[in-house]
């Protein structure tokens, strides 16, 4: 009898833990999602202002014959470094988001498998424990690409100022921007798929153990 009470108490405590954990993880997942949007909004505003100031200084220097290229270049380089860090941060947040989403889906799948009160989940609320880290349909992935495009644009403006004396100015600007954009896209795909591979290896090692 005592064992039955102990088991019942343990089960209740486990359910309370899962409930608290589910709610906290759901809030955490929303935090990662909103942070990606906030970073993009910040970068768009900051880059617009930075590019405007840099080109303004450059054009003003040409007009007034004052050498203002160095301040403009310095501002763009600092902005590009911060932009690459923001790119990394958004990519990491996508990874964290998927990991938490999988955990939430696993809990939801467990409880819905009992069909409480005959609930069939006809709306097909998410229960996929294998939600992909990389998905072409994901809005978060496209937001990461936009961040990469902003970095490529900033590099283009930087090279536009630096290559003023070159005959092949526009090919340099466009070509370099496309290269850095392509590199960032490859990093997104490779990194997120590597997270998928780590997840698979963890499952295999657990099963083998």
N, C-alpha and C. Protein backbone atom coordinates (compact mmCIF):
# COMPACT_ATOMS: atom_id res chain seq x y z
N UNK A 1 0.83 -1.21 0.00
CA UNK A 1 0.00 0.00 0.00
C UNK A 1 0.86 1.26 0.00
N UNK A 2 1.89 1.19 0.84
CA UNK A 2 2.80 2.34 0.90
C UNK A 2 3.51 2.55 -0.43
N UNK A 3 3.86 1.42 -1.08
CA UNK A 3 4.53 1.51 -2.39
C UNK A 3 3.61 2.17 -3.41
N UNK A 4 2.31 1.85 -3.33
CA UNK A 4 1.35 2.44 -4.27
C UNK A 4 1.24 3.94 -4.05
N UNK A 5 1.22 4.35 -2.78
CA UNK A 5 1.17 5.78 -2.47
C UNK A 5 2.42 6.48 -2.96
N UNK A 6 3.55 5.82 -2.75
CA UNK A 6 4.82 6.41 -3.19
C UNK A 6 4.84 6.58 -4.72
N UNK A 7 4.35 5.56 -5.41
CA UNK A 7 4.32 5.63 -6.87
C UNK A 7 3.37 6.72 -7.35
N UNK A 8 2.22 6.86 -6.68
CA UNK A 8 1.25 7.90 -7.04
C UNK A 8 1.83 9.29 -6.80
N UNK A 9 2.51 9.44 -5.67
CA UNK A 9 3.14 10.73 -5.35
C UNK A 9 4.23 11.06 -6.36
N UNK A 10 5.01 10.06 -6.68
CA UNK A 10 6.09 10.25 -7.66
C UNK A 10 5.54 10.63 -9.03
N UNK A 11 4.42 9.99 -9.42
CA UNK A 11 3.80 10.29 -10.70
C UNK A 11 3.26 11.71 -10.74
N UNK A 12 2.63 12.13 -9.63
CA UNK A 12 2.10 13.50 -9.56
C UNK A 12 3.21 14.53 -9.65
N UNK A 13 4.30 14.26 -8.95
CA UNK A 13 5.43 15.20 -8.98
C UNK A 13 6.04 15.26 -10.37
N UNK A 14 6.12 14.09 -11.03
CA UNK A 14 6.67 14.05 -12.39
C UNK A 14 5.80 14.85 -13.35
N UNK A 15 4.47 14.72 -13.20
CA UNK A 15 3.54 15.47 -14.06
C UNK A 15 3.64 16.97 -13.81
N UNK A 16 3.79 17.34 -12.54
CA UNK A 16 3.95 18.77 -12.22
C UNK A 16 5.24 19.32 -12.83
N UNK A 17 6.30 18.51 -12.74
CA UNK A 17 7.58 18.94 -13.33
C UNK A 17 7.45 19.14 -14.83
N UNK A 18 6.84 18.16 -15.51
CA UNK A 18 6.68 18.26 -16.96
C UNK A 18 5.83 19.45 -17.35
N UNK A 19 4.80 19.72 -16.55
CA UNK A 19 3.94 20.87 -16.83
C UNK A 19 4.71 22.17 -16.71
N UNK A 20 5.48 22.31 -15.61
CA UNK A 20 6.28 23.52 -15.43
C UNK A 20 7.33 23.65 -16.52
N UNK A 21 7.96 22.53 -16.81
CA UNK A 21 9.02 22.53 -17.82
C UNK A 21 8.46 22.89 -19.19
N UNK A 22 7.28 22.37 -19.51
CA UNK A 22 6.65 22.66 -20.79
C UNK A 22 6.37 24.16 -20.93
N UNK A 23 5.81 24.75 -19.88
CA UNK A 23 5.47 26.18 -19.93
C UNK A 23 6.73 27.04 -20.05
N UNK A 24 7.76 26.70 -19.28
CA UNK A 24 8.99 27.47 -19.33
C UNK A 24 9.69 27.33 -20.69
N UNK A 25 9.70 26.11 -21.22
CA UNK A 25 10.33 25.89 -22.52
C UNK A 25 9.56 26.60 -23.63
N UNK A 26 8.24 26.65 -23.50
CA UNK A 26 7.45 27.35 -24.51
C UNK A 26 7.79 28.85 -24.51
N UNK A 27 7.94 29.41 -23.32
CA UNK A 27 8.34 30.81 -23.23
C UNK A 27 9.74 31.02 -23.80
N UNK A 28 10.61 30.06 -23.53
CA UNK A 28 11.98 30.14 -24.04
C UNK A 28 11.99 30.07 -25.56
N UNK A 29 11.16 29.22 -26.13
CA UNK A 29 11.07 29.10 -27.58
C UNK A 29 10.59 30.40 -28.21
N UNK A 30 9.59 31.02 -27.59
CA UNK A 30 9.08 32.31 -28.08
C UNK A 30 10.15 33.39 -27.98
N UNK A 31 10.98 33.30 -26.93
CA UNK A 31 12.07 34.26 -26.75
C UNK A 31 13.07 34.17 -27.90
N UNK A 32 13.47 32.95 -28.26
CA UNK A 32 14.42 32.78 -29.36
C UNK A 32 13.83 33.31 -30.67
N UNK A 33 12.55 33.03 -30.89
CA UNK A 33 11.89 33.47 -32.12
C UNK A 33 11.82 34.99 -32.19
N UNK A 34 11.41 35.62 -31.11
CA UNK A 34 11.29 37.08 -31.10
C UNK A 34 12.66 37.76 -31.17
N UNK A 35 13.69 37.10 -30.59
CA UNK A 35 15.02 37.69 -30.64
C UNK A 35 15.56 37.75 -32.06
N UNK A 36 15.24 36.74 -32.86
CA UNK A 36 15.66 36.75 -34.27
C UNK A 36 15.05 37.93 -35.00
N UNK A 37 13.76 38.17 -34.78
CA UNK A 37 13.08 39.31 -35.40
C UNK A 37 13.66 40.63 -34.90
N UNK A 38 13.93 40.71 -33.60
CA UNK A 38 14.46 41.95 -33.02
C UNK A 38 15.85 42.27 -33.59
N UNK A 39 16.67 41.23 -33.75
CA UNK A 39 18.01 41.45 -34.32
C UNK A 39 17.90 41.96 -35.75
N UNK A 40 16.99 41.38 -36.52
CA UNK A 40 16.82 41.82 -37.91
C UNK A 40 16.35 43.26 -37.96
N UNK A 41 15.39 43.63 -37.12
CA UNK A 41 14.90 45.01 -37.11
C UNK A 41 16.00 45.98 -36.71
N UNK A 42 16.79 45.59 -35.71
CA UNK A 42 17.90 46.44 -35.28
C UNK A 42 18.92 46.62 -36.40
N UNK A 43 19.27 45.51 -37.05
CA UNK A 43 20.27 45.58 -38.11
C UNK A 43 19.78 46.42 -39.29
N UNK A 44 18.52 46.27 -39.64
CA UNK A 44 17.99 47.04 -40.78
C UNK A 44 18.04 48.52 -40.48
N UNK A 45 17.63 48.91 -39.27
CA UNK A 45 17.66 50.32 -38.88
C UNK A 45 19.10 50.84 -38.79
N UNK A 46 19.96 50.06 -38.13
CA UNK A 46 21.34 50.49 -37.94
C UNK A 46 22.09 50.56 -39.27
N UNK A 47 21.89 49.58 -40.14
CA UNK A 47 22.60 49.55 -41.42
C UNK A 47 22.15 50.68 -42.33
N UNK A 48 20.85 50.98 -42.31
CA UNK A 48 20.34 52.08 -43.12
C UNK A 48 20.99 53.40 -42.70
N UNK A 49 21.06 53.62 -41.39
CA UNK A 49 21.68 54.84 -40.88
C UNK A 49 23.18 54.87 -41.17
N UNK A 50 23.84 53.71 -40.96
CA UNK A 50 25.29 53.64 -41.16
C UNK A 50 25.67 53.87 -42.62
N UNK A 51 24.94 53.22 -43.53
CA UNK A 51 25.23 53.39 -44.96
C UNK A 51 24.98 54.83 -45.39
N UNK A 52 23.89 55.41 -44.87
CA UNK A 52 23.58 56.80 -45.20
C UNK A 52 24.67 57.75 -44.74
N UNK A 53 25.14 57.54 -43.51
CA UNK A 53 26.21 58.41 -42.97
C UNK A 53 27.51 58.22 -43.73
N UNK A 54 27.87 56.97 -44.02
CA UNK A 54 29.13 56.68 -44.73
C UNK A 54 29.14 57.28 -46.13
N UNK A 55 28.06 57.07 -46.87
CA UNK A 55 27.98 57.65 -48.22
C UNK A 55 27.89 59.16 -48.17
N UNK A 56 27.22 59.67 -47.13
CA UNK A 56 27.13 61.13 -46.98
C UNK A 56 28.50 61.74 -46.75
N UNK A 57 29.28 61.12 -45.86
CA UNK A 57 30.65 61.61 -45.61
C UNK A 57 31.50 61.52 -46.86
N UNK A 58 31.36 60.41 -47.58
CA UNK A 58 32.15 60.20 -48.79
C UNK A 58 31.82 61.25 -49.86
N UNK A 59 30.54 61.46 -50.11
CA UNK A 59 30.12 62.43 -51.12
C UNK A 59 30.47 63.86 -50.70
N UNK A 60 30.31 64.16 -49.42
CA UNK A 60 30.65 65.49 -48.92
C UNK A 60 32.14 65.76 -49.04
N UNK A 61 32.94 64.72 -48.76
CA UNK A 61 34.39 64.87 -48.88
C UNK A 61 34.81 65.12 -50.32
N UNK A 62 34.16 64.44 -51.27
CA UNK A 62 34.47 64.67 -52.68
C UNK A 62 34.08 66.06 -53.12
N UNK A 63 32.94 66.51 -52.65
CA UNK A 63 32.43 67.82 -53.06
C UNK A 63 33.27 68.95 -52.49
N UNK A 64 33.61 68.82 -51.20
CA UNK A 64 34.34 69.89 -50.52
C UNK A 64 35.86 69.67 -50.57
N UNK A 65 36.26 68.56 -51.22
CA UNK A 65 37.67 68.22 -51.32
C UNK A 65 38.33 68.06 -49.94
N UNK A 66 37.57 67.39 -49.08
CA UNK A 66 38.05 67.08 -47.73
C UNK A 66 38.15 65.56 -47.63
N UNK A 67 39.22 65.06 -47.08
CA UNK A 67 39.42 63.61 -47.01
C UNK A 67 38.67 63.04 -45.81
N UNK A 68 37.47 62.54 -46.07
CA UNK A 68 36.64 61.94 -45.01
C UNK A 68 36.45 60.44 -45.25
N UNK A 69 37.29 59.87 -46.08
CA UNK A 69 37.14 58.47 -46.42
C UNK A 69 37.43 57.55 -45.23
N UNK A 70 38.47 57.87 -44.47
CA UNK A 70 38.86 57.00 -43.35
C UNK A 70 37.75 56.86 -42.31
N UNK A 71 37.11 57.97 -41.86
CA UNK A 71 36.00 57.80 -40.91
C UNK A 71 34.87 56.94 -41.47
N UNK A 72 34.57 57.12 -42.75
CA UNK A 72 33.50 56.35 -43.38
C UNK A 72 33.88 54.86 -43.45
N UNK A 73 35.10 54.59 -43.83
CA UNK A 73 35.58 53.20 -43.93
C UNK A 73 35.61 52.55 -42.55
N UNK A 74 36.10 53.27 -41.55
CA UNK A 74 36.17 52.74 -40.19
C UNK A 74 34.78 52.36 -39.66
N UNK A 75 33.81 53.25 -39.89
CA UNK A 75 32.44 52.99 -39.43
C UNK A 75 31.87 51.75 -40.12
N UNK A 76 32.14 51.61 -41.41
CA UNK A 76 31.62 50.46 -42.15
C UNK A 76 32.28 49.15 -41.71
N UNK A 77 33.57 49.19 -41.44
CA UNK A 77 34.27 47.97 -40.99
C UNK A 77 33.74 47.53 -39.64
N UNK A 78 33.58 48.48 -38.71
CA UNK A 78 33.04 48.15 -37.39
C UNK A 78 31.62 47.60 -37.53
N UNK A 79 30.83 48.24 -38.39
CA UNK A 79 29.46 47.76 -38.63
C UNK A 79 29.43 46.36 -39.21
N UNK A 80 30.36 46.06 -40.11
CA UNK A 80 30.42 44.74 -40.73
C UNK A 80 30.82 43.67 -39.71
N UNK A 81 31.75 43.99 -38.84
CA UNK A 81 32.16 43.05 -37.79
C UNK A 81 30.98 42.73 -36.87
N UNK A 82 30.26 43.79 -36.46
CA UNK A 82 29.09 43.58 -35.61
C UNK A 82 28.01 42.81 -36.36
N UNK A 83 27.89 43.08 -37.66
CA UNK A 83 26.89 42.38 -38.47
C UNK A 83 27.18 40.89 -38.58
N UNK A 84 28.43 40.54 -38.70
CA UNK A 84 28.80 39.12 -38.76
C UNK A 84 28.54 38.43 -37.42
N UNK A 85 28.75 39.18 -36.34
CA UNK A 85 28.44 38.62 -35.02
C UNK A 85 26.92 38.41 -34.88
N UNK A 86 26.14 39.38 -35.38
CA UNK A 86 24.68 39.25 -35.34
C UNK A 86 24.22 38.06 -36.18
N UNK A 87 24.87 37.84 -37.30
CA UNK A 87 24.57 36.69 -38.15
C UNK A 87 24.78 35.40 -37.38
N UNK A 88 25.90 35.33 -36.67
CA UNK A 88 26.21 34.15 -35.86
C UNK A 88 25.17 33.97 -34.75
N UNK A 89 24.77 35.07 -34.13
CA UNK A 89 23.81 35.01 -33.04
C UNK A 89 22.45 34.52 -33.52
N UNK A 90 22.00 35.00 -34.68
CA UNK A 90 20.73 34.56 -35.24
C UNK A 90 20.78 33.07 -35.57
N UNK A 91 21.89 32.63 -36.12
CA UNK A 91 22.05 31.22 -36.49
C UNK A 91 22.01 30.34 -35.24
N UNK A 92 22.67 30.77 -34.17
CA UNK A 92 22.66 30.02 -32.92
C UNK A 92 21.25 29.96 -32.34
N UNK A 93 20.53 31.08 -32.42
CA UNK A 93 19.17 31.12 -31.89
C UNK A 93 18.25 30.16 -32.64
N UNK A 94 18.47 30.02 -33.96
CA UNK A 94 17.68 29.06 -34.72
C UNK A 94 17.94 27.64 -34.21
N UNK A 95 19.19 27.33 -33.92
CA UNK A 95 19.54 26.01 -33.41
C UNK A 95 18.87 25.76 -32.06
N UNK A 96 18.95 26.75 -31.16
CA UNK A 96 18.33 26.62 -29.84
C UNK A 96 16.81 26.47 -29.97
N UNK A 97 16.23 27.25 -30.88
CA UNK A 97 14.79 27.22 -31.09
C UNK A 97 14.32 25.81 -31.47
N UNK A 98 14.99 25.21 -32.42
CA UNK A 98 14.59 23.88 -32.89
C UNK A 98 14.75 22.85 -31.77
N UNK A 99 15.82 22.96 -31.01
CA UNK A 99 16.05 22.00 -29.93
C UNK A 99 14.92 22.05 -28.89
N UNK A 100 14.54 23.28 -28.52
CA UNK A 100 13.45 23.43 -27.55
C UNK A 100 12.12 23.00 -28.17
N UNK A 101 11.91 23.34 -29.45
CA UNK A 101 10.67 22.96 -30.14
C UNK A 101 10.52 21.44 -30.19
N UNK A 102 11.60 20.75 -30.42
CA UNK A 102 11.55 19.28 -30.44
C UNK A 102 11.17 18.72 -29.08
N UNK A 103 11.71 19.32 -28.06
CA UNK A 103 11.40 18.88 -26.69
C UNK A 103 9.92 19.09 -26.37
N UNK A 104 9.40 20.27 -26.74
CA UNK A 104 7.98 20.56 -26.53
C UNK A 104 7.11 19.60 -27.33
N UNK A 105 7.48 19.37 -28.57
CA UNK A 105 6.72 18.45 -29.42
C UNK A 105 6.73 17.03 -28.86
N UNK A 106 7.86 16.65 -28.24
CA UNK A 106 7.96 15.31 -27.66
C UNK A 106 6.99 15.16 -26.49
N UNK A 107 6.93 16.20 -25.65
CA UNK A 107 5.98 16.16 -24.54
C UNK A 107 4.54 16.14 -25.04
N UNK A 108 4.23 16.99 -26.01
CA UNK A 108 2.88 17.05 -26.54
C UNK A 108 2.49 15.72 -27.19
N UNK A 109 3.44 15.12 -27.90
CA UNK A 109 3.17 13.84 -28.55
C UNK A 109 2.87 12.76 -27.51
N UNK A 110 3.62 12.78 -26.40
CA UNK A 110 3.40 11.79 -25.35
C UNK A 110 1.99 11.88 -24.78
N UNK A 111 1.58 13.08 -24.41
CA UNK A 111 0.28 13.23 -23.77
C UNK A 111 -0.87 13.02 -24.75
N UNK A 112 -0.71 13.47 -25.97
CA UNK A 112 -1.78 13.29 -26.95
C UNK A 112 -1.91 11.84 -27.40
N UNK A 113 -0.86 11.04 -27.19
CA UNK A 113 -0.94 9.63 -27.57
C UNK A 113 -1.96 8.88 -26.71
N UNK A 114 -2.28 9.42 -25.54
CA UNK A 114 -3.30 8.80 -24.67
C UNK A 114 -4.72 9.22 -25.06
N UNK A 115 -4.80 10.18 -26.00
CA UNK A 115 -6.11 10.70 -26.46
C UNK A 115 -7.02 11.06 -25.28
N UNK A 116 -6.57 12.02 -24.47
CA UNK A 116 -7.38 12.40 -23.30
C UNK A 116 -8.74 12.95 -23.74
N UNK A 117 -9.82 12.45 -23.07
CA UNK A 117 -11.20 12.85 -23.37
C UNK A 117 -11.55 12.59 -24.83
N UNK A 118 -10.84 11.66 -25.45
CA UNK A 118 -11.11 11.34 -26.84
C UNK A 118 -10.55 12.35 -27.82
N UNK A 119 -9.62 13.20 -27.34
CA UNK A 119 -9.05 14.25 -28.18
C UNK A 119 -8.17 13.64 -29.28
N UNK A 120 -8.49 13.96 -30.53
CA UNK A 120 -7.80 13.34 -31.68
C UNK A 120 -6.72 14.23 -32.30
N UNK A 121 -6.59 15.45 -31.82
CA UNK A 121 -5.66 16.42 -32.43
C UNK A 121 -5.94 16.58 -33.92
N UNK A 122 -7.21 16.81 -34.25
CA UNK A 122 -7.64 16.96 -35.65
C UNK A 122 -6.99 18.18 -36.30
N UNK A 123 -6.63 19.17 -35.49
CA UNK A 123 -5.98 20.38 -36.03
C UNK A 123 -4.52 20.12 -36.37
N UNK A 124 -4.02 18.95 -35.97
CA UNK A 124 -2.64 18.52 -36.25
C UNK A 124 -1.63 19.49 -35.63
N UNK A 125 -1.88 19.82 -34.39
CA UNK A 125 -0.93 20.65 -33.65
C UNK A 125 0.41 19.93 -33.59
N UNK A 126 1.49 20.68 -33.61
CA UNK A 126 2.83 20.12 -33.80
C UNK A 126 3.19 19.07 -32.76
N UNK A 127 3.55 17.90 -33.25
CA UNK A 127 4.04 16.81 -32.39
C UNK A 127 5.30 16.18 -32.98
N UNK A 128 5.89 16.83 -33.98
CA UNK A 128 7.03 16.26 -34.68
C UNK A 128 8.31 16.43 -33.85
N UNK A 129 8.84 15.31 -33.34
CA UNK A 129 10.06 15.38 -32.53
C UNK A 129 11.30 15.43 -33.41
N UNK A 130 11.11 15.37 -34.72
CA UNK A 130 12.23 15.44 -35.66
C UNK A 130 12.16 16.71 -36.50
N UNK A 131 11.63 17.78 -35.91
CA UNK A 131 11.58 19.05 -36.61
C UNK A 131 12.97 19.41 -37.10
N UNK A 132 13.12 19.67 -38.41
CA UNK A 132 14.47 19.88 -38.96
C UNK A 132 15.10 21.20 -38.51
N UNK A 133 16.40 21.14 -38.29
CA UNK A 133 17.13 22.38 -38.00
C UNK A 133 17.16 23.27 -39.23
N UNK A 134 17.35 22.66 -40.39
CA UNK A 134 17.36 23.42 -41.64
C UNK A 134 16.14 23.05 -42.46
N UNK A 135 15.37 24.07 -42.83
CA UNK A 135 14.19 23.87 -43.66
C UNK A 135 14.03 25.09 -44.57
N UNK A 136 13.90 24.85 -45.86
CA UNK A 136 13.76 25.96 -46.81
C UNK A 136 12.46 26.73 -46.59
N UNK A 137 11.46 26.09 -45.97
CA UNK A 137 10.18 26.74 -45.75
C UNK A 137 10.16 27.58 -44.47
N UNK A 138 11.21 27.48 -43.66
CA UNK A 138 11.23 28.19 -42.38
C UNK A 138 11.45 29.68 -42.57
N UNK A 139 10.59 30.48 -41.95
CA UNK A 139 10.76 31.94 -42.02
C UNK A 139 12.04 32.37 -41.30
N UNK A 140 12.42 31.62 -40.26
CA UNK A 140 13.65 31.96 -39.54
C UNK A 140 14.87 31.81 -40.43
N UNK A 141 14.88 30.78 -41.26
CA UNK A 141 16.00 30.58 -42.18
C UNK A 141 16.09 31.75 -43.15
N UNK A 142 14.95 32.18 -43.66
CA UNK A 142 14.95 33.31 -44.59
C UNK A 142 15.37 34.60 -43.90
N UNK A 143 15.06 34.74 -42.62
CA UNK A 143 15.52 35.90 -41.88
C UNK A 143 17.04 35.88 -41.72
N UNK A 144 17.59 34.68 -41.52
CA UNK A 144 19.06 34.55 -41.46
C UNK A 144 19.67 34.97 -42.80
N UNK A 145 19.04 34.56 -43.90
CA UNK A 145 19.52 34.95 -45.22
C UNK A 145 19.48 36.47 -45.40
N UNK A 146 18.41 37.10 -44.89
CA UNK A 146 18.30 38.56 -45.00
C UNK A 146 19.41 39.24 -44.22
N UNK A 147 19.73 38.71 -43.04
CA UNK A 147 20.85 39.24 -42.26
C UNK A 147 22.14 39.13 -43.07
N UNK A 148 22.33 37.98 -43.73
CA UNK A 148 23.50 37.80 -44.59
C UNK A 148 23.51 38.78 -45.74
N UNK A 149 22.34 39.06 -46.31
CA UNK A 149 22.24 40.01 -47.41
C UNK A 149 22.59 41.43 -46.95
N UNK A 150 22.20 41.76 -45.73
CA UNK A 150 22.54 43.08 -45.18
C UNK A 150 24.05 43.21 -45.00
N UNK A 151 24.68 42.13 -44.53
CA UNK A 151 26.15 42.15 -44.41
C UNK A 151 26.82 42.29 -45.77
N UNK A 152 26.26 41.60 -46.77
CA UNK A 152 26.82 41.69 -48.12
C UNK A 152 26.65 43.10 -48.68
N UNK A 153 25.53 43.74 -48.37
CA UNK A 153 25.30 45.12 -48.82
C UNK A 153 26.30 46.07 -48.18
N UNK A 154 26.53 45.87 -46.88
CA UNK A 154 27.48 46.74 -46.17
C UNK A 154 28.88 46.58 -46.74
N UNK A 155 29.27 45.34 -47.05
CA UNK A 155 30.57 45.11 -47.68
C UNK A 155 30.63 45.78 -49.05
N UNK A 156 29.53 45.72 -49.78
CA UNK A 156 29.48 46.36 -51.10
C UNK A 156 29.71 47.86 -51.01
N UNK A 157 29.09 48.50 -50.03
CA UNK A 157 29.28 49.94 -49.83
C UNK A 157 30.73 50.24 -49.44
N UNK A 158 31.29 49.40 -48.58
CA UNK A 158 32.69 49.57 -48.18
C UNK A 158 33.62 49.48 -49.38
N UNK A 159 33.42 48.49 -50.23
CA UNK A 159 34.28 48.32 -51.40
C UNK A 159 34.01 49.40 -52.44
N UNK A 160 32.80 49.91 -52.47
CA UNK A 160 32.48 51.02 -53.38
C UNK A 160 33.33 52.24 -53.06
N UNK A 161 33.51 52.49 -51.77
CA UNK A 161 34.33 53.63 -51.34
C UNK A 161 35.81 53.34 -51.55
N UNK A 162 36.23 52.11 -51.23
CA UNK A 162 37.65 51.77 -51.33
C UNK A 162 38.14 51.67 -52.77
N UNK A 163 37.26 51.27 -53.68
CA UNK A 163 37.67 51.02 -55.07
C UNK A 163 37.37 52.19 -56.00
N UNK A 164 37.34 53.39 -55.46
CA UNK A 164 36.99 54.55 -56.27
C UNK A 164 37.96 54.76 -57.43
N UNK A 165 39.21 54.38 -57.25
CA UNK A 165 40.22 54.61 -58.28
C UNK A 165 40.31 53.47 -59.29
N UNK A 166 39.57 52.39 -59.09
CA UNK A 166 39.67 51.23 -59.97
C UNK A 166 38.68 51.32 -61.13
N UNK A 167 39.12 50.84 -62.27
CA UNK A 167 38.27 50.84 -63.47
C UNK A 167 37.15 49.82 -63.33
N UNK A 168 37.47 48.66 -62.74
CA UNK A 168 36.47 47.60 -62.57
C UNK A 168 35.78 47.74 -61.21
N UNK A 169 35.32 48.93 -60.94
CA UNK A 169 34.73 49.22 -59.63
C UNK A 169 33.49 48.38 -59.34
N UNK A 170 32.52 48.44 -60.25
CA UNK A 170 31.25 47.75 -60.02
C UNK A 170 31.39 46.22 -60.02
N UNK A 171 32.18 45.65 -60.92
CA UNK A 171 32.39 44.20 -60.83
C UNK A 171 32.98 43.77 -59.49
N UNK A 172 33.90 44.59 -58.96
CA UNK A 172 34.50 44.28 -57.66
C UNK A 172 33.44 44.32 -56.57
N UNK A 173 32.61 45.38 -56.58
CA UNK A 173 31.58 45.56 -55.56
C UNK A 173 30.55 44.43 -55.61
N UNK A 174 30.01 44.20 -56.80
CA UNK A 174 28.95 43.19 -56.96
C UNK A 174 29.49 41.78 -56.72
N UNK A 175 30.66 41.49 -57.31
CA UNK A 175 31.25 40.16 -57.17
C UNK A 175 31.56 39.82 -55.72
N UNK A 176 32.17 40.75 -54.99
CA UNK A 176 32.53 40.52 -53.59
C UNK A 176 31.30 40.36 -52.71
N UNK A 177 30.27 41.16 -52.99
CA UNK A 177 29.03 41.07 -52.21
C UNK A 177 28.36 39.71 -52.40
N UNK A 178 28.35 39.24 -53.64
CA UNK A 178 27.76 37.93 -53.92
C UNK A 178 28.56 36.80 -53.28
N UNK A 179 29.88 36.96 -53.24
CA UNK A 179 30.74 35.94 -52.63
C UNK A 179 30.46 35.83 -51.14
N UNK A 180 30.42 36.97 -50.43
CA UNK A 180 30.19 36.90 -48.98
C UNK A 180 28.78 36.43 -48.66
N UNK A 181 27.82 36.79 -49.52
CA UNK A 181 26.46 36.29 -49.33
C UNK A 181 26.41 34.78 -49.50
N UNK A 182 27.08 34.28 -50.52
CA UNK A 182 27.12 32.84 -50.77
C UNK A 182 27.79 32.10 -49.63
N UNK A 183 28.89 32.67 -49.10
CA UNK A 183 29.60 32.05 -47.99
C UNK A 183 28.70 31.93 -46.76
N UNK A 184 27.94 32.98 -46.50
CA UNK A 184 27.05 32.97 -45.34
C UNK A 184 25.92 31.94 -45.52
N UNK A 185 25.40 31.82 -46.73
CA UNK A 185 24.35 30.83 -47.00
C UNK A 185 24.89 29.42 -46.80
N UNK A 186 26.11 29.17 -47.27
CA UNK A 186 26.73 27.86 -47.09
C UNK A 186 26.93 27.57 -45.60
N UNK A 187 27.34 28.58 -44.84
CA UNK A 187 27.54 28.40 -43.40
C UNK A 187 26.22 28.02 -42.72
N UNK A 188 25.14 28.69 -43.13
CA UNK A 188 23.81 28.38 -42.57
C UNK A 188 23.47 26.91 -42.79
N UNK A 189 23.58 26.47 -44.04
CA UNK A 189 23.21 25.10 -44.40
C UNK A 189 24.10 24.10 -43.68
N UNK A 190 25.41 24.32 -43.73
CA UNK A 190 26.36 23.37 -43.14
C UNK A 190 26.19 23.28 -41.63
N UNK A 191 26.07 24.44 -40.99
CA UNK A 191 25.98 24.44 -39.52
C UNK A 191 24.71 23.75 -39.04
N UNK A 192 23.56 24.13 -39.62
CA UNK A 192 22.30 23.55 -39.16
C UNK A 192 22.21 22.06 -39.47
N UNK A 193 22.75 21.64 -40.61
CA UNK A 193 22.75 20.21 -40.92
C UNK A 193 23.72 19.46 -40.01
N UNK A 194 24.78 20.12 -39.57
CA UNK A 194 25.69 19.47 -38.62
C UNK A 194 25.00 19.26 -37.28
N UNK A 195 24.12 20.19 -36.90
CA UNK A 195 23.34 20.03 -35.67
C UNK A 195 22.40 18.83 -35.79
N UNK A 196 21.85 18.64 -36.99
CA UNK A 196 20.98 17.50 -37.25
C UNK A 196 21.77 16.19 -37.11
N UNK A 197 22.97 16.17 -37.64
CA UNK A 197 23.82 14.98 -37.56
C UNK A 197 24.20 14.66 -36.11
N UNK A 198 24.46 15.71 -35.32
CA UNK A 198 24.79 15.50 -33.91
C UNK A 198 23.62 14.88 -33.18
N UNK A 199 22.42 15.36 -33.53
CA UNK A 199 21.21 14.83 -32.89
C UNK A 199 21.02 13.36 -33.22
N UNK A 200 21.24 13.00 -34.48
CA UNK A 200 21.11 11.61 -34.91
C UNK A 200 22.13 10.73 -34.22
N UNK A 201 23.37 11.21 -34.13
CA UNK A 201 24.44 10.44 -33.47
C UNK A 201 24.12 10.22 -32.00
N UNK A 202 23.54 11.22 -31.35
CA UNK A 202 23.18 11.09 -29.94
C UNK A 202 22.14 9.99 -29.74
N UNK A 203 21.15 9.95 -30.63
CA UNK A 203 20.10 8.94 -30.56
C UNK A 203 20.69 7.53 -30.79
N UNK A 204 21.57 7.42 -31.78
CA UNK A 204 22.18 6.13 -32.09
C UNK A 204 23.04 5.63 -30.95
N UNK A 205 23.82 6.54 -30.36
CA UNK A 205 24.66 6.16 -29.25
C UNK A 205 23.83 5.70 -28.05
N UNK A 206 22.69 6.37 -27.84
CA UNK A 206 21.81 6.00 -26.75
C UNK A 206 21.21 4.61 -26.98
N UNK A 207 20.80 4.36 -28.21
CA UNK A 207 20.22 3.05 -28.53
C UNK A 207 21.26 1.93 -28.43
N UNK A 208 22.48 2.23 -28.87
CA UNK A 208 23.54 1.23 -28.80
C UNK A 208 23.96 0.95 -27.37
N UNK A 209 23.86 2.01 -26.56
CA UNK A 209 24.24 1.84 -25.16
C UNK A 209 23.22 1.00 -24.41
